[in-house]
Amino acid sequence: MLAALHEPLRRGHAELLLPAIDGVLHAAGRKLADLDAIATTVGPGSFTGLRTGLAAAQGLAFASGLPLVGVDRFSALAAATVVLGQKPLVIAFDSRARTLYVQAYRADGSRPPCWPAAGRNLSPEEAAEELAEALPEAGWLVAGEGAPALLAAGFQGQDTGMRALTATQVAAVALAELAAGGTGWPPQPLYLAPPRAVLPKDGGRLRARRT
């Protein structure tokens, strides 16, 4: 790890992302042309955040000619928890729509055959029930900011305390290692739920999707 930056934001990502990348390169004493590849998470996550991050990564890759590798957030956090090989793990992210983005891993790091590679978008209660039925193993650990909601819904697991990719250096290293090792997705948004805003037919302003 040569340099890292972690700055939680509620808004303003588009304005601050490229200057932040430039600052990290400067701190590392490198230029974009010195890199071997660009890696970015592809989701699941907020629609605006994913589009902003991927658009920036695609623009940098196009301008530099560097390959671009996508890594899903589930895999990045699973690698950052450093528990694979010991216990099975469930990652739960808050979708901000009263549901969770959920993925399960066996102790060896593989996804159970009965669980989709892209994860699921479920209510906490649905996730707890489906996990209990599909994955009867004991001793599950739970990570991600959705962990408290999943455990409160009755899932029998142990909270690891890893809420999100907040341990900047660990998360960045995990992302880079996964991308370098060929564990990647196409550099496109990984959506597990439809957008919550739709364009009205009369050409007016965006409105919330009714659920």
Protein backbone atom coordinates (compact mmCIF):
# COMPACT_ATOMS: atom_id res chain seq x y z
CA MET A 1 0.00 0.00 0.00
CA LEU A 2 1.54 3.28 -1.13
CA ALA A 3 -1.30 5.66 -0.33
CA ALA A 4 -4.97 5.59 0.63
CA LEU A 5 -7.81 7.99 1.31
CA HIS A 6 -11.16 7.35 2.97
CA GLU A 7 -13.64 10.20 3.18
CA PRO A 8 -17.32 9.37 3.92
CA LEU A 9 -19.68 11.65 2.01
CA ARG A 10 -23.43 12.11 1.82
CA ARG A 11 -23.23 14.14 -1.40
CA GLY A 12 -20.68 15.79 -3.68
CA HIS A 13 -19.04 12.54 -4.83
CA ALA A 14 -18.82 13.59 -8.46
CA GLU A 15 -17.04 16.85 -7.62
CA LEU A 16 -14.55 15.35 -5.16
CA LEU A 17 -13.75 11.93 -6.60
CA LEU A 18 -11.27 12.87 -9.34
CA PRO A 19 -9.36 15.38 -7.15
CA ALA A 20 -9.18 12.66 -4.47
CA ILE A 21 -7.73 10.17 -6.96
CA ASP A 22 -5.20 12.77 -8.09
CA GLY A 23 -4.25 13.41 -4.47
CA VAL A 24 -3.69 9.71 -3.76
CA LEU A 25 -1.50 9.34 -6.85
CA HIS A 26 0.51 12.39 -5.79
CA ALA A 27 0.92 11.00 -2.25
CA ALA A 28 2.13 7.71 -3.71
CA GLY A 29 4.61 9.43 -6.01
CA ARG A 30 2.98 7.89 -9.08
CA LYS A 31 1.23 8.96 -12.23
CA LEU A 32 -1.73 7.27 -13.86
CA ALA A 33 0.57 5.89 -16.57
CA ASP A 34 2.61 4.07 -13.88
CA LEU A 35 -0.31 1.80 -12.95
CA ASP A 36 -0.97 -1.70 -14.29
CA ALA A 37 -4.75 -1.55 -14.00
CA ILE A 38 -7.68 0.27 -12.42
CA ALA A 39 -10.05 -1.56 -10.10
CA THR A 40 -13.40 -0.38 -8.81
CA THR A 41 -16.32 -1.82 -6.88
CA VAL A 42 -19.42 -2.33 -9.03
CA GLY A 43 -22.05 -2.74 -6.31
CA PRO A 44 -24.49 -3.47 -5.01
CA GLY A 45 -24.99 0.05 -3.69
CA SER A 46 -26.74 3.33 -4.36
CA PHE A 47 -27.59 4.02 -8.00
CA THR A 48 -25.97 7.46 -8.06
CA GLY A 49 -22.85 6.32 -6.22
CA LEU A 50 -22.30 3.35 -8.53
CA ARG A 51 -22.74 5.42 -11.68
CA THR A 52 -20.42 8.14 -10.39
CA GLY A 53 -17.65 5.73 -9.43
CA LEU A 54 -17.89 3.62 -12.57
CA ALA A 55 -18.05 6.63 -14.88
CA ALA A 56 -14.88 8.02 -13.31
CA ALA A 57 -13.09 4.67 -13.51
CA GLN A 58 -14.16 4.13 -17.13
CA GLY A 59 -13.02 7.64 -18.07
CA LEU A 60 -9.60 7.11 -16.48
CA ALA A 61 -9.23 3.68 -18.11
CA PHE A 62 -10.20 5.06 -21.53
CA ALA A 63 -7.81 8.01 -21.26
CA SER A 64 -4.88 5.91 -20.03
CA GLY A 65 -5.46 2.69 -21.96
CA LEU A 66 -5.31 0.73 -18.69
CA PRO A 67 -7.51 -2.34 -18.14
CA LEU A 68 -10.49 -1.81 -15.85
CA VAL A 69 -11.60 -4.54 -13.44
CA GLY A 70 -14.82 -4.57 -11.45
CA VAL A 71 -15.13 -6.25 -8.04
CA ASP A 72 -18.42 -6.67 -6.19
CA ARG A 73 -18.68 -5.13 -2.71
CA PHE A 74 -19.55 -8.50 -1.19
CA SER A 75 -16.22 -10.02 -2.21
CA ALA A 76 -14.22 -6.95 -1.17
CA LEU A 77 -15.69 -6.89 2.34
CA ALA A 78 -15.47 -10.68 2.67
CA ALA A 79 -11.75 -10.54 1.85
CA ALA A 80 -11.25 -7.57 4.18
CA THR A 81 -12.75 -9.41 7.17
CA VAL A 82 -9.94 -12.02 7.00
CA VAL A 83 -12.17 -14.79 8.34
CA LEU A 84 -12.61 -16.95 5.27
CA GLY A 85 -11.07 -20.34 5.83
CA GLN A 86 -12.30 -20.30 9.42
CA LYS A 87 -16.06 -19.82 9.47
CA PRO A 88 -18.88 -19.29 6.98
CA LEU A 89 -19.75 -15.65 6.41
CA VAL A 90 -22.82 -13.63 5.45
CA ILE A 91 -22.44 -10.08 4.09
CA ALA A 92 -25.45 -7.78 4.49
CA PHE A 93 -25.57 -4.24 3.09
CA ASP A 94 -28.39 -1.78 3.77
CA SER A 95 -30.19 -0.93 0.50
CA ARG A 96 -31.80 2.15 2.11
CA ALA A 97 -35.20 0.83 0.99
CA ARG A 98 -36.07 -1.35 4.01
CA THR A 99 -34.30 -4.30 2.40
CA LEU A 100 -30.82 -5.82 2.53
CA TYR A 101 -28.35 -6.80 -0.15
CA VAL A 102 -27.19 -10.22 1.07
CA GLN A 103 -24.47 -12.69 0.03
CA ALA A 104 -23.26 -15.87 1.72
CA TYR A 105 -19.83 -17.52 1.67
CA ARG A 106 -18.68 -20.88 2.91
CA ALA A 107 -15.59 -21.11 5.11
CA ASP A 108 -13.42 -21.80 2.05
CA GLY A 109 -14.61 -18.57 0.40
CA SER A 110 -16.92 -20.21 -2.14
CA ARG A 111 -20.51 -19.16 -2.59
CA PRO A 112 -23.04 -21.93 -1.86
CA PRO A 113 -24.44 -23.41 -5.12
CA CYS A 114 -27.98 -22.58 -3.99
CA TRP A 115 -27.16 -18.86 -3.57
CA PRO A 116 -26.92 -16.51 -6.61
CA ALA A 117 -23.46 -15.20 -7.45
CA ALA A 118 -24.83 -11.66 -7.53
CA GLY A 119 -26.44 -11.93 -4.09
CA ARG A 120 -30.04 -11.19 -3.16
CA ASN A 121 -32.19 -8.17 -2.36
CA LEU A 122 -34.46 -9.24 0.51
CA SER A 123 -36.16 -7.90 3.59
CA PRO A 124 -34.29 -8.78 6.81
CA GLU A 125 -36.98 -11.33 7.66
CA GLU A 126 -36.89 -12.93 4.21
CA ALA A 127 -33.09 -13.06 4.29
CA ALA A 128 -33.02 -14.69 7.74
CA GLU A 129 -35.56 -17.31 6.66
CA GLU A 130 -33.95 -18.14 3.32
CA LEU A 131 -30.46 -18.34 4.82
CA ALA A 132 -31.66 -20.69 7.56
CA GLU A 133 -33.33 -22.97 5.02
CA ALA A 134 -30.65 -22.95 2.34
CA LEU A 135 -27.55 -22.87 4.57
CA PRO A 136 -28.03 -25.09 7.61
CA GLU A 137 -24.39 -24.86 8.73
CA ALA A 138 -23.74 -23.47 12.19
CA GLY A 139 -21.34 -20.76 13.33
CA TRP A 140 -22.07 -18.10 10.72
CA LEU A 141 -20.44 -14.69 11.00
CA VAL A 142 -22.22 -11.56 9.74
CA ALA A 143 -20.54 -8.42 8.35
CA GLY A 144 -21.75 -5.21 6.73
CA GLU A 145 -23.89 -2.31 7.89
CA GLY A 146 -26.98 -4.53 7.49
CA ALA A 147 -25.74 -7.05 10.06
CA PRO A 148 -27.78 -5.68 13.01
CA ALA A 149 -31.02 -5.82 11.01
CA LEU A 150 -30.34 -9.39 9.84
CA LEU A 151 -29.53 -10.58 13.36
CA ALA A 152 -32.58 -8.78 14.77
CA ALA A 153 -34.72 -10.63 12.23
CA GLY A 154 -33.69 -13.94 13.78
CA PHE A 155 -30.65 -15.06 11.80
CA GLN A 156 -28.45 -17.17 14.05
CA GLY A 157 -25.05 -15.62 13.47
CA GLN A 158 -22.33 -13.64 15.19
CA ASP A 159 -21.72 -9.97 14.36
CA THR A 160 -18.11 -9.39 13.28
CA GLY A 161 -18.37 -5.62 13.77
CA MET A 162 -17.23 -5.00 10.18
CA ARG A 163 -19.90 -2.52 9.17
CA ALA A 164 -18.58 -1.54 5.74
CA LEU A 165 -15.38 -0.86 3.87
CA THR A 166 -14.20 1.62 6.48
CA ALA A 167 -10.81 0.07 7.14
CA THR A 168 -9.39 1.89 4.15
CA GLN A 169 -6.05 0.19 3.75
CA VAL A 170 -7.40 -3.32 4.31
CA ALA A 171 -10.28 -2.74 1.90
CA ALA A 172 -8.09 -1.20 -0.80
CA VAL A 173 -5.59 -4.04 -0.56
CA ALA A 174 -8.40 -6.61 -0.73
CA LEU A 175 -9.87 -4.89 -3.79
CA ALA A 176 -6.49 -4.75 -5.53
CA GLU A 177 -5.65 -8.37 -4.74
CA LEU A 178 -9.01 -9.62 -5.98
CA ALA A 179 -8.68 -7.64 -9.20
CA ALA A 180 -5.08 -8.76 -9.77
CA GLY A 181 -6.07 -12.36 -9.09
CA GLY A 182 -8.72 -12.34 -11.77
CA THR A 183 -11.70 -12.22 -9.40
CA GLY A 184 -13.70 -9.67 -11.26
CA TRP A 185 -16.98 -8.63 -12.80
CA PRO A 186 -17.58 -6.59 -15.96
CA PRO A 187 -17.10 -2.90 -15.08
CA GLN A 188 -20.85 -2.30 -15.10
CA PRO A 189 -23.25 -1.55 -12.22
CA LEU A 190 -24.35 -4.62 -10.27
CA TYR A 191 -27.99 -3.79 -9.51
CA LEU A 192 -30.04 -6.13 -7.31
CA ALA A 193 -33.13 -3.91 -7.24
CA PRO A 194 -34.96 -1.71 -9.77
CA PRO A 195 -34.43 2.08 -9.59
CA ARG A 196 -36.65 3.88 -7.10
CA ALA A 197 -37.16 6.87 -9.40
CA VAL A 198 -38.81 6.75 -12.81
CA LEU A 199 -39.20 9.25 -15.64
CA PRO A 200 -42.84 10.33 -16.01
CA LYS A 201 -44.40 9.88 -19.43
CA ASP A 202 -45.27 13.58 -19.64
CA GLY A 203 -41.60 14.57 -19.44
CA GLY A 204 -41.93 16.13 -15.98
CA ARG A 205 -39.62 15.73 -13.00
CA LEU A 206 -38.45 12.40 -11.61
CA ARG A 207 -40.84 10.85 -9.14
CA ALA A 208 -40.46 8.01 -6.66
CA ARG A 209 -41.44 4.53 -7.82
CA ARG A 210 -44.46 3.22 -5.95
CA THR A 211 -43.87 -0.10 -4.16
